[in-house]
All heavy atoms as atom14 arrays in JSON, in Angstrom:
{
  "sequence": "AFLLTGVGILLCWNAGTLAGALAGGAIADPGTLGLDAIFPAVFLALL",
  "atom14_mask": [
    [1, 1, 1, 1, 1, 0, 0, 0, 0, 0, 0, 0, 0, 0],
    [1, 1, 1, 1, 1, 1, 1, 1, 1, 1, 1, 0, 0, 0],
    [1, 1, 1, 1, 1, 1, 1, 1, 0, 0, 0, 0, 0, 0],
    [1, 1, 1, 1, 1, 1, 1, 1, 0, 0, 0, 0, 0, 0],
    [1, 1, 1, 1, 1, 1, 1, 0, 0, 0, 0, 0, 0, 0],
    [1, 1, 1, 1, 0, 0, 0, 0, 0, 0, 0, 0, 0, 0],
    [1, 1, 1, 1, 1, 1, 1, 0, 0, 0, 0, 0, 0, 0],
    [1, 1, 1, 1, 0, 0, 0, 0, 0, 0, 0, 0, 0, 0],
    [1, 1, 1, 1, 1, 1, 1, 1, 0, 0, 0, 0, 0, 0],
    [1, 1, 1, 1, 1, 1, 1, 1, 0, 0, 0, 0, 0, 0],
    [1, 1, 1, 1, 1, 1, 1, 1, 0, 0, 0, 0, 0, 0],
    [1, 1, 1, 1, 1, 1, 0, 0, 0, 0, 0, 0, 0, 0],
    [1, 1, 1, 1, 1, 1, 1, 1, 1, 1, 1, 1, 1, 1],
    [1, 1, 1, 1, 1, 1, 1, 1, 0, 0, 0, 0, 0, 0],
    [1, 1, 1, 1, 1, 0, 0, 0, 0, 0, 0, 0, 0, 0],
    [1, 1, 1, 1, 0, 0, 0, 0, 0, 0, 0, 0, 0, 0],
    [1, 1, 1, 1, 1, 1, 1, 0, 0, 0, 0, 0, 0, 0],
    [1, 1, 1, 1, 1, 1, 1, 1, 0, 0, 0, 0, 0, 0],
    [1, 1, 1, 1, 1, 0, 0, 0, 0, 0, 0, 0, 0, 0],
    [1, 1, 1, 1, 0, 0, 0, 0, 0, 0, 0, 0, 0, 0],
    [1, 1, 1, 1, 1, 0, 0, 0, 0, 0, 0, 0, 0, 0],
    [1, 1, 1, 1, 1, 1, 1, 1, 0, 0, 0, 0, 0, 0],
    [1, 1, 1, 1, 1, 0, 0, 0, 0, 0, 0, 0, 0, 0],
    [1, 1, 1, 1, 0, 0, 0, 0, 0, 0, 0, 0, 0, 0],
    [1, 1, 1, 1, 0, 0, 0, 0, 0, 0, 0, 0, 0, 0],
    [1, 1, 1, 1, 1, 0, 0, 0, 0, 0, 0, 0, 0, 0],
    [1, 1, 1, 1, 1, 1, 1, 1, 0, 0, 0, 0, 0, 0],
    [1, 1, 1, 1, 1, 0, 0, 0, 0, 0, 0, 0, 0, 0],
    [1, 1, 1, 1, 1, 1, 1, 1, 0, 0, 0, 0, 0, 0],
    [1, 1, 1, 1, 1, 1, 1, 0, 0, 0, 0, 0, 0, 0],
    [1, 1, 1, 1, 0, 0, 0, 0, 0, 0, 0, 0, 0, 0],
    [1, 1, 1, 1, 1, 1, 1, 0, 0, 0, 0, 0, 0, 0],
    [1, 1, 1, 1, 1, 1, 1, 1, 0, 0, 0, 0, 0, 0],
    [1, 1, 1, 1, 0, 0, 0, 0, 0, 0, 0, 0, 0, 0],
    [1, 1, 1, 1, 1, 1, 1, 1, 0, 0, 0, 0, 0, 0],
    [1, 1, 1, 1, 1, 1, 1, 1, 0, 0, 0, 0, 0, 0],
    [1, 1, 1, 1, 1, 0, 0, 0, 0, 0, 0, 0, 0, 0],
    [1, 1, 1, 1, 1, 1, 1, 1, 0, 0, 0, 0, 0, 0],
    [1, 1, 1, 1, 1, 1, 1, 1, 1, 1, 1, 0, 0, 0],
    [1, 1, 1, 1, 1, 1, 1, 0, 0, 0, 0, 0, 0, 0],
    [1, 1, 1, 1, 1, 0, 0, 0, 0, 0, 0, 0, 0, 0],
    [1, 1, 1, 1, 1, 1, 1, 0, 0, 0, 0, 0, 0, 0],
    [1, 1, 1, 1, 1, 1, 1, 1, 1, 1, 1, 0, 0, 0],
    [1, 1, 1, 1, 1, 1, 1, 1, 0, 0, 0, 0, 0, 0],
    [1, 1, 1, 1, 1, 0, 0, 0, 0, 0, 0, 0, 0, 0],
    [1, 1, 1, 1, 1, 1, 1, 1, 0, 0, 0, 0, 0, 0],
    [1, 1, 1, 1, 1, 1, 1, 1, 0, 0, 0, 0, 0, 0]
  ],
  "atom14_positions": [
    [[-191.56, -25.02, 18.2], [-190.46, -25.75, 17.57], [-189.13, -25.24, 18.11], [-188.2, -26.03, 18.38], [-190.51, -25.57, 16.07], [0.0, 0.0, 0.0], [0.0, 0.0, 0.0], [0.0, 0.0, 0.0], [0.0, 0.0, 0.0], [0.0, 0.0, 0.0], [0.0, 0.0, 0.0], [0.0, 0.0, 0.0], [0.0, 0.0, 0.0], [0.0, 0.0, 0.0]],
    [[-189.04, -23.93, 18.28], [-187.82, -23.28, 18.8], [-187.53, -23.85, 20.24], [-186.38, -24.25, 20.53], [-187.99, -21.78, 18.86], [-186.87, -21.07, 19.57], [-185.64, -20.86, 18.94], [-187.06, -20.59, 20.84], [-184.62, -20.19, 19.59], [-186.03, -19.9, 21.54], [-184.82, -19.73, 20.9], [0.0, 0.0, 0.0], [0.0, 0.0, 0.0], [0.0, 0.0, 0.0]],
    [[-188.53, -23.87, 21.08], [-188.33, -24.28, 22.47], [-188.09, -25.78, 22.57], [-187.17, -26.22, 23.28], [-189.54, -23.89, 23.31], [-189.73, -22.4, 23.58], [-191.03, -22.17, 24.35], [-188.51, -21.86, 24.33], [0.0, 0.0, 0.0], [0.0, 0.0, 0.0], [0.0, 0.0, 0.0], [0.0, 0.0, 0.0], [0.0, 0.0, 0.0], [0.0, 0.0, 0.0]],
    [[-188.85, -26.57, 21.83], [-188.67, -28.02, 21.9], [-187.27, -28.41, 21.44], [-186.6, -29.23, 22.08], [-189.7, -28.73, 21.05], [-191.14, -28.83, 21.56], [-192.09, -29.38, 20.49], [-191.2, -29.73, 22.8], [0.0, 0.0, 0.0], [0.0, 0.0, 0.0], [0.0, 0.0, 0.0], [0.0, 0.0, 0.0], [0.0, 0.0, 0.0], [0.0, 0.0, 0.0]],
    [[-186.85, -27.79, 20.36], [-185.51, -28.18, 19.8], [-184.4, -27.58, 20.7], [-183.44, -28.31, 21.0], [-185.37, -27.62, 18.37], [-186.48, -28.04, 17.59], [-184.07, -28.1, 17.78], [0.0, 0.0, 0.0], [0.0, 0.0, 0.0], [0.0, 0.0, 0.0], [0.0, 0.0, 0.0], [0.0, 0.0, 0.0], [0.0, 0.0, 0.0], [0.0, 0.0, 0.0]],
    [[-184.53, -26.33, 21.08], [-183.48, -25.71, 21.88], [-183.26, -26.36, 23.22], [-182.17, -26.68, 23.63], [0.0, 0.0, 0.0], [0.0, 0.0, 0.0], [0.0, 0.0, 0.0], [0.0, 0.0, 0.0], [0.0, 0.0, 0.0], [0.0, 0.0, 0.0], [0.0, 0.0, 0.0], [0.0, 0.0, 0.0], [0.0, 0.0, 0.0], [0.0, 0.0, 0.0]],
    [[-184.35, -26.59, 23.95], [-184.28, -27.23, 25.26], [-183.81, -28.67, 25.15], [-182.96, -29.14, 25.92], [-185.62, -27.15, 26.01], [-185.56, -27.95, 27.29], [-185.99, -25.71, 26.32], [0.0, 0.0, 0.0], [0.0, 0.0, 0.0], [0.0, 0.0, 0.0], [0.0, 0.0, 0.0], [0.0, 0.0, 0.0], [0.0, 0.0, 0.0], [0.0, 0.0, 0.0]],
    [[-184.33, -29.39, 24.14], [-183.94, -30.77, 23.96], [-182.45, -30.92, 23.68], [-181.75, -31.77, 24.25], [0.0, 0.0, 0.0], [0.0, 0.0, 0.0], [0.0, 0.0, 0.0], [0.0, 0.0, 0.0], [0.0, 0.0, 0.0], [0.0, 0.0, 0.0], [0.0, 0.0, 0.0], [0.0, 0.0, 0.0], [0.0, 0.0, 0.0], [0.0, 0.0, 0.0]],
    [[-181.9, -30.03, 22.8], [-180.51, -30.11, 22.48], [-179.66, -29.66, 23.66], [-178.59, -30.23, 23.92], [-180.18, -29.25, 21.24], [-180.82, -29.87, 20.01], [-178.71, -29.07, 21.05], [-180.61, -29.12, 18.71], [0.0, 0.0, 0.0], [0.0, 0.0, 0.0], [0.0, 0.0, 0.0], [0.0, 0.0, 0.0], [0.0, 0.0, 0.0], [0.0, 0.0, 0.0]],
    [[-180.1, -28.67, 24.4], [-179.35, -28.2, 25.58], [-179.17, -29.36, 26.56], [-178.06, -29.59, 27.08], [-180.11, -27.07, 26.29], [-179.47, -26.52, 27.57], [-178.16, -25.87, 27.25], [-180.44, -25.51, 28.28], [0.0, 0.0, 0.0], [0.0, 0.0, 0.0], [0.0, 0.0, 0.0], [0.0, 0.0, 0.0], [0.0, 0.0, 0.0], [0.0, 0.0, 0.0]],
    [[-180.25, -30.12, 26.78], [-180.16, -31.28, 27.72], [-179.27, -32.36, 27.17], [-178.38, -32.89, 27.86], [-181.53, -31.79, 28.01], [-182.52, -30.88, 28.76], [-183.89, -31.45, 28.85], [-181.97, -30.53, 30.12], [0.0, 0.0, 0.0], [0.0, 0.0, 0.0], [0.0, 0.0, 0.0], [0.0, 0.0, 0.0], [0.0, 0.0, 0.0], [0.0, 0.0, 0.0]],
    [[-179.48, -32.74, 25.92], [-178.73, -33.84, 25.33], [-177.26, -33.46, 25.08], [-176.38, -34.31, 25.22], [-179.39, -34.27, 24.01], [-181.0, -35.1, 24.23], [0.0, 0.0, 0.0], [0.0, 0.0, 0.0], [0.0, 0.0, 0.0], [0.0, 0.0, 0.0], [0.0, 0.0, 0.0], [0.0, 0.0, 0.0], [0.0, 0.0, 0.0], [0.0, 0.0, 0.0]],
    [[-177.02, -32.23, 24.68], [-175.66, -31.8, 24.4], [-174.79, -31.86, 25.67], [-173.67, -32.31, 25.71], [-175.64, -30.38, 23.85], [-174.28, -29.84, 23.57], [-173.56, -29.0, 24.35], [-173.45, -30.16, 22.44], [-172.32, -28.73, 23.75], [-172.23, -29.43, 22.59], [-173.61, -30.97, 21.31], [-171.23, -29.52, 21.68], [-172.59, -31.03, 20.37], [-171.41, -30.31, 20.57]],
    [[-175.4, -31.41, 26.77], [-174.67, -31.44, 28.05], [-174.52, -32.82, 28.62], [-173.49, -33.19, 29.19], [-175.34, -30.5, 29.04], [-175.04, -29.05, 28.79], [-173.97, -28.54, 29.2], [-175.92, -28.37, 28.08], [0.0, 0.0, 0.0], [0.0, 0.0, 0.0], [0.0, 0.0, 0.0], [0.0, 0.0, 0.0], [0.0, 0.0, 0.0], [0.0, 0.0, 0.0]],
    [[-175.56, -33.68, 28.42], [-175.45, -35.08, 28.83], [-174.37, -35.76, 28.05], [-173.55, -36.57, 28.61], [-176.75, -35.77, 28.7], [0.0, 0.0, 0.0], [0.0, 0.0, 0.0], [0.0, 0.0, 0.0], [0.0, 0.0, 0.0], [0.0, 0.0, 0.0], [0.0, 0.0, 0.0], [0.0, 0.0, 0.0], [0.0, 0.0, 0.0], [0.0, 0.0, 0.0]],
    [[-174.34, -35.55, 26.74], [-173.32, -36.19, 25.88], [-171.92, -35.71, 26.24], [-170.96, -36.47, 26.22], [0.0, 0.0, 0.0], [0.0, 0.0, 0.0], [0.0, 0.0, 0.0], [0.0, 0.0, 0.0], [0.0, 0.0, 0.0], [0.0, 0.0, 0.0], [0.0, 0.0, 0.0], [0.0, 0.0, 0.0], [0.0, 0.0, 0.0], [0.0, 0.0, 0.0]],
    [[-171.79, -34.41, 26.5], [-170.5, -33.83, 26.88], [-169.99, -34.51, 28.18], [-168.78, -34.89, 28.22], [-170.61, -32.34, 27.11], [-170.98, -31.69, 25.86], [-169.29, -31.76, 27.63], [0.0, 0.0, 0.0], [0.0, 0.0, 0.0], [0.0, 0.0, 0.0], [0.0, 0.0, 0.0], [0.0, 0.0, 0.0], [0.0, 0.0, 0.0], [0.0, 0.0, 0.0]],
    [[-170.84, -34.64, 29.14], [-170.45, -35.28, 30.4], [-170.03, -36.72, 30.18], [-168.98, -37.15, 30.72], [-171.6, -35.2, 31.41], [-171.38, -35.91, 32.75], [-170.18, -35.32, 33.47], [-172.63, -35.86, 33.61], [0.0, 0.0, 0.0], [0.0, 0.0, 0.0], [0.0, 0.0, 0.0], [0.0, 0.0, 0.0], [0.0, 0.0, 0.0], [0.0, 0.0, 0.0]],
    [[-170.78, -37.47, 29.37], [-170.44, -38.86, 29.13], [-169.09, -38.96, 28.4], [-168.24, -39.82, 28.77], [-171.54, -39.51, 28.25], [0.0, 0.0, 0.0], [0.0, 0.0, 0.0], [0.0, 0.0, 0.0], [0.0, 0.0, 0.0], [0.0, 0.0, 0.0], [0.0, 0.0, 0.0], [0.0, 0.0, 0.0], [0.0, 0.0, 0.0], [0.0, 0.0, 0.0]],
    [[-168.85, -38.06, 27.44], [-167.59, -38.11, 26.72], [-166.41, -37.73, 27.58], [-165.34, -38.3, 27.5], [0.0, 0.0, 0.0], [0.0, 0.0, 0.0], [0.0, 0.0, 0.0], [0.0, 0.0, 0.0], [0.0, 0.0, 0.0], [0.0, 0.0, 0.0], [0.0, 0.0, 0.0], [0.0, 0.0, 0.0], [0.0, 0.0, 0.0], [0.0, 0.0, 0.0]],
    [[-166.63, -36.72, 28.41], [-165.56, -36.24, 29.32], [-165.19, -37.31, 30.31], [-164.0, -37.51, 30.62], [-166.02, -34.98, 30.01], [0.0, 0.0, 0.0], [0.0, 0.0, 0.0], [0.0, 0.0, 0.0], [0.0, 0.0, 0.0], [0.0, 0.0, 0.0], [0.0, 0.0, 0.0], [0.0, 0.0, 0.0], [0.0, 0.0, 0.0], [0.0, 0.0, 0.0]],
    [[-166.18, -38.04, 30.82], [-165.9, -39.1, 31.77], [-165.23, -40.29, 31.14], [-164.37, -40.95, 31.7], [-167.2, -39.54, 32.46], [-167.86, -38.53, 33.37], [-169.19, -39.09, 33.89], [-166.94, -38.23, 34.57], [0.0, 0.0, 0.0], [0.0, 0.0, 0.0], [0.0, 0.0, 0.0], [0.0, 0.0, 0.0], [0.0, 0.0, 0.0], [0.0, 0.0, 0.0]],
    [[-165.6, -40.52, 29.87], [-164.97, -41.62, 29.11], [-163.5, -41.31, 28.84], [-162.67, -42.23, 28.86], [-165.72, -41.88, 27.8], [0.0, 0.0, 0.0], [0.0, 0.0, 0.0], [0.0, 0.0, 0.0], [0.0, 0.0, 0.0], [0.0, 0.0, 0.0], [0.0, 0.0, 0.0], [0.0, 0.0, 0.0], [0.0, 0.0, 0.0], [0.0, 0.0, 0.0]],
    [[-163.18, -40.04, 28.69], [-161.81, -39.63, 28.51], [-161.08, -40.37, 27.4], [-161.54, -40.46, 26.28], [0.0, 0.0, 0.0], [0.0, 0.0, 0.0], [0.0, 0.0, 0.0], [0.0, 0.0, 0.0], [0.0, 0.0, 0.0], [0.0, 0.0, 0.0], [0.0, 0.0, 0.0], [0.0, 0.0, 0.0], [0.0, 0.0, 0.0], [0.0, 0.0, 0.0]],
    [[-159.97, -40.93, 27.74], [-159.11, -41.63, 26.74], [-159.65, -42.95, 26.33], [-158.99, -43.65, 25.54], [0.0, 0.0, 0.0], [0.0, 0.0, 0.0], [0.0, 0.0, 0.0], [0.0, 0.0, 0.0], [0.0, 0.0, 0.0], [0.0, 0.0, 0.0], [0.0, 0.0, 0.0], [0.0, 0.0, 0.0], [0.0, 0.0, 0.0], [0.0, 0.0, 0.0]],
    [[-160.8, -43.4, 26.84], [-161.31, -44.7, 26.43], [-161.69, -44.76, 24.96], [-161.68, -45.82, 24.33], [-162.54, -45.09, 27.28], [0.0, 0.0, 0.0], [0.0, 0.0, 0.0], [0.0, 0.0, 0.0], [0.0, 0.0, 0.0], [0.0, 0.0, 0.0], [0.0, 0.0, 0.0], [0.0, 0.0, 0.0], [0.0, 0.0, 0.0], [0.0, 0.0, 0.0]],
    [[-162.02, -43.59, 24.42], [-162.31, -43.52, 22.96], [-161.18, -42.8, 22.34], [-161.06, -41.56, 22.35], [-163.63, -42.76, 22.7], [-164.79, -43.4, 23.49], [-163.98, -42.71, 21.21], [-166.12, -42.67, 23.34], [0.0, 0.0, 0.0], [0.0, 0.0, 0.0], [0.0, 0.0, 0.0], [0.0, 0.0, 0.0], [0.0, 0.0, 0.0], [0.0, 0.0, 0.0]],
    [[-160.27, -43.55, 21.71], [-159.04, -42.96, 21.16], [-159.31, -41.99, 19.99], [-158.77, -40.91, 19.92], [-158.11, -44.07, 20.7], [0.0, 0.0, 0.0], [0.0, 0.0, 0.0], [0.0, 0.0, 0.0], [0.0, 0.0, 0.0], [0.0, 0.0, 0.0], [0.0, 0.0, 0.0], [0.0, 0.0, 0.0], [0.0, 0.0, 0.0], [0.0, 0.0, 0.0]],
    [[-160.24, -42.38, 19.11], [-160.5, -41.57, 17.93], [-162.02, -41.63, 17.69], [-162.5, -42.64, 17.14], [-159.75, -42.03, 16.71], [-160.04, -41.22, 15.47], [-160.65, -40.18, 15.61], [-159.61, -41.62, 14.38], [0.0, 0.0, 0.0], [0.0, 0.0, 0.0], [0.0, 0.0, 0.0], [0.0, 0.0, 0.0], [0.0, 0.0, 0.0], [0.0, 0.0, 0.0]],
    [[-162.75, -40.55, 17.99], [-164.22, -40.55, 17.79], [-164.58, -40.83, 16.32], [-165.65, -41.31, 16.02], [-164.66, -39.15, 18.23], [-163.58, -38.68, 19.19], [-162.31, -39.34, 18.66], [0.0, 0.0, 0.0], [0.0, 0.0, 0.0], [0.0, 0.0, 0.0], [0.0, 0.0, 0.0], [0.0, 0.0, 0.0], [0.0, 0.0, 0.0], [0.0, 0.0, 0.0]],
    [[-163.7, -40.46, 15.42], [-163.99, -40.7, 13.98], [-164.12, -42.13, 13.64], [-164.83, -42.49, 12.67], [0.0, 0.0, 0.0], [0.0, 0.0, 0.0], [0.0, 0.0, 0.0], [0.0, 0.0, 0.0], [0.0, 0.0, 0.0], [0.0, 0.0, 0.0], [0.0, 0.0, 0.0], [0.0, 0.0, 0.0], [0.0, 0.0, 0.0], [0.0, 0.0, 0.0]],
    [[-163.42, -43.04, 14.38], [-163.53, -44.46, 14.06], [-164.9, -45.0, 14.36], [-165.32, -46.03, 13.84], [-162.48, -45.24, 14.88], [-162.74, -45.05, 16.27], [-161.07, -44.79, 14.56], [0.0, 0.0, 0.0], [0.0, 0.0, 0.0], [0.0, 0.0, 0.0], [0.0, 0.0, 0.0], [0.0, 0.0, 0.0], [0.0, 0.0, 0.0], [0.0, 0.0, 0.0]],
    [[-165.68, -44.29, 15.22], [-167.03, -44.69, 15.54], [-168.06, -43.94, 14.7], [-169.27, -44.2, 14.87], [-167.3, -44.44, 17.02], [-166.41, -45.17, 18.04], [-166.78, -44.82, 19.47], [-166.5, -46.7, 17.84], [0.0, 0.0, 0.0], [0.0, 0.0, 0.0], [0.0, 0.0, 0.0], [0.0, 0.0, 0.0], [0.0, 0.0, 0.0], [0.0, 0.0, 0.0]],
    [[-167.59, -43.09, 13.81], [-168.5, -42.36, 12.99], [-169.14, -41.14, 13.68], [-170.06, -40.51, 13.14], [0.0, 0.0, 0.0], [0.0, 0.0, 0.0], [0.0, 0.0, 0.0], [0.0, 0.0, 0.0], [0.0, 0.0, 0.0], [0.0, 0.0, 0.0], [0.0, 0.0, 0.0], [0.0, 0.0, 0.0], [0.0, 0.0, 0.0], [0.0, 0.0, 0.0]],
    [[-168.64, -40.8, 14.87], [-169.24, -39.67, 15.59], [-169.02, -38.36, 14.87], [-169.86, -37.42, 14.99], [-168.65, -39.58, 17.02], [-168.94, -40.79, 17.95], [-168.22, -40.56, 19.27], [-170.43, -40.96, 18.13], [0.0, 0.0, 0.0], [0.0, 0.0, 0.0], [0.0, 0.0, 0.0], [0.0, 0.0, 0.0], [0.0, 0.0, 0.0], [0.0, 0.0, 0.0]],
    [[-167.95, -38.27, 14.11], [-167.65, -37.0, 13.41], [-168.59, -36.74, 12.26], [-168.68, -35.66, 11.69], [-166.21, -37.01, 12.92], [-165.89, -38.23, 12.01], [-166.61, -39.22, 12.14], [-164.97, -38.12, 11.23], [0.0, 0.0, 0.0], [0.0, 0.0, 0.0], [0.0, 0.0, 0.0], [0.0, 0.0, 0.0], [0.0, 0.0, 0.0], [0.0, 0.0, 0.0]],
    [[-169.33, -37.76, 11.83], [-170.25, -37.62, 10.69], [-171.65, -37.15, 11.11], [-172.45, -36.72, 10.26], [-170.41, -38.94, 9.95], [0.0, 0.0, 0.0], [0.0, 0.0, 0.0], [0.0, 0.0, 0.0], [0.0, 0.0, 0.0], [0.0, 0.0, 0.0], [0.0, 0.0, 0.0], [0.0, 0.0, 0.0], [0.0, 0.0, 0.0], [0.0, 0.0, 0.0]],
    [[-171.95, -37.2, 12.41], [-173.28, -36.84, 12.84], [-173.57, -35.35, 12.68], [-174.67, -34.95, 12.23], [-173.47, -37.23, 14.31], [-173.38, -38.78, 14.47], [-174.75, -36.7, 14.89], [-173.51, -39.24, 15.88], [0.0, 0.0, 0.0], [0.0, 0.0, 0.0], [0.0, 0.0, 0.0], [0.0, 0.0, 0.0], [0.0, 0.0, 0.0], [0.0, 0.0, 0.0]],
    [[-172.59, -34.49, 12.99], [-172.79, -33.07, 12.92], [-173.2, -32.58, 11.52], [-174.21, -31.94, 11.34], [-171.54, -32.34, 13.43], [-171.8, -30.97, 13.99], [-172.89, -30.71, 14.78], [-170.91, -29.95, 13.77], [-173.12, -29.48, 15.31], [-171.1, -28.67, 14.28], [-172.24, -28.45, 15.03], [0.0, 0.0, 0.0], [0.0, 0.0, 0.0], [0.0, 0.0, 0.0]],
    [[-172.38, -32.88, 10.47], [-172.79, -32.52, 9.13], [-174.1, -33.15, 8.66], [-174.83, -32.55, 7.91], [-171.61, -32.94, 8.25], [-170.87, -33.95, 9.05], [-171.06, -33.54, 10.47], [0.0, 0.0, 0.0], [0.0, 0.0, 0.0], [0.0, 0.0, 0.0], [0.0, 0.0, 0.0], [0.0, 0.0, 0.0], [0.0, 0.0, 0.0], [0.0, 0.0, 0.0]],
    [[-174.34, -34.36, 9.13], [-175.58, -35.02, 8.74], [-176.81, -34.31, 9.3], [-177.83, -34.13, 8.61], [-175.59, -36.47, 9.22], [0.0, 0.0, 0.0], [0.0, 0.0, 0.0], [0.0, 0.0, 0.0], [0.0, 0.0, 0.0], [0.0, 0.0, 0.0], [0.0, 0.0, 0.0], [0.0, 0.0, 0.0], [0.0, 0.0, 0.0], [0.0, 0.0, 0.0]],
    [[-176.71, -33.82, 10.54], [-177.78, -33.02, 11.14], [-178.02, -31.73, 10.36], [-179.13, -31.31, 10.08], [-177.48, -32.73, 12.61], [-178.48, -31.72, 13.18], [-177.55, -34.02, 13.41], [0.0, 0.0, 0.0], [0.0, 0.0, 0.0], [0.0, 0.0, 0.0], [0.0, 0.0, 0.0], [0.0, 0.0, 0.0], [0.0, 0.0, 0.0], [0.0, 0.0, 0.0]],
    [[-176.9, -31.07, 9.94], [-177.0, -29.83, 9.18], [-177.73, -30.08, 7.86], [-178.58, -29.28, 7.46], [-175.66, -29.26, 8.9], [-175.13, -28.34, 9.99], [-173.99, -28.66, 10.72], [-175.81, -27.16, 10.28], [-173.57, -27.8, 11.73], [-175.38, -26.3, 11.28], [-174.26, -26.63, 12.0], [0.0, 0.0, 0.0], [0.0, 0.0, 0.0], [0.0, 0.0, 0.0]],
    [[-177.42, -31.14, 7.19], [-178.07, -31.44, 5.9], [-179.56, -31.71, 6.11], [-180.41, -31.26, 5.31], [-177.41, -32.64, 5.24], [-176.01, -32.39, 4.64], [-175.46, -33.7, 4.12], [-176.12, -31.38, 3.53], [0.0, 0.0, 0.0], [0.0, 0.0, 0.0], [0.0, 0.0, 0.0], [0.0, 0.0, 0.0], [0.0, 0.0, 0.0], [0.0, 0.0, 0.0]],
    [[-179.89, -32.42, 7.19], [-181.27, -32.72, 7.49], [-182.07, -31.45, 7.77], [-183.28, -31.33, 7.47], [-181.38, -33.68, 8.67], [0.0, 0.0, 0.0], [0.0, 0.0, 0.0], [0.0, 0.0, 0.0], [0.0, 0.0, 0.0], [0.0, 0.0, 0.0], [0.0, 0.0, 0.0], [0.0, 0.0, 0.0], [0.0, 0.0, 0.0], [0.0, 0.0, 0.0]],
    [[-181.4, -30.45, 8.4], [-182.05, -29.19, 8.66], [-182.19, -28.29, 7.47], [-183.11, -27.5, 7.36], [-181.26, -28.44, 9.78], [-181.29, -29.04, 11.15], [-180.25, -28.34, 12.05], [-182.68, -28.9, 11.8], [0.0, 0.0, 0.0], [0.0, 0.0, 0.0], [0.0, 0.0, 0.0], [0.0, 0.0, 0.0], [0.0, 0.0, 0.0], [0.0, 0.0, 0.0]],
    [[-181.25, -28.42, 6.54], [-181.22, -27.57, 5.35], [-182.33, -27.87, 4.38], [-182.95, -26.97, 3.84], [-179.86, -27.71, 4.64], [-179.7, -26.9, 3.34], [-179.8, -25.43, 3.62], [-178.36, -27.27, 2.68], [0.0, 0.0, 0.0], [0.0, 0.0, 0.0], [0.0, 0.0, 0.0], [0.0, 0.0, 0.0], [0.0, 0.0, 0.0], [0.0, 0.0, 0.0]]
  ]
}
């Protein structure tokens, strides 16, 4: 579970970072898309 989750997140986190960085100013406010709610939602699901 440690390896599956850790490696999976490492790959997806870096892919998402690259996509967001390339998008740059195209997304004015990530909160308007609900992206800011994903992080706390994941924490609750893990808790």
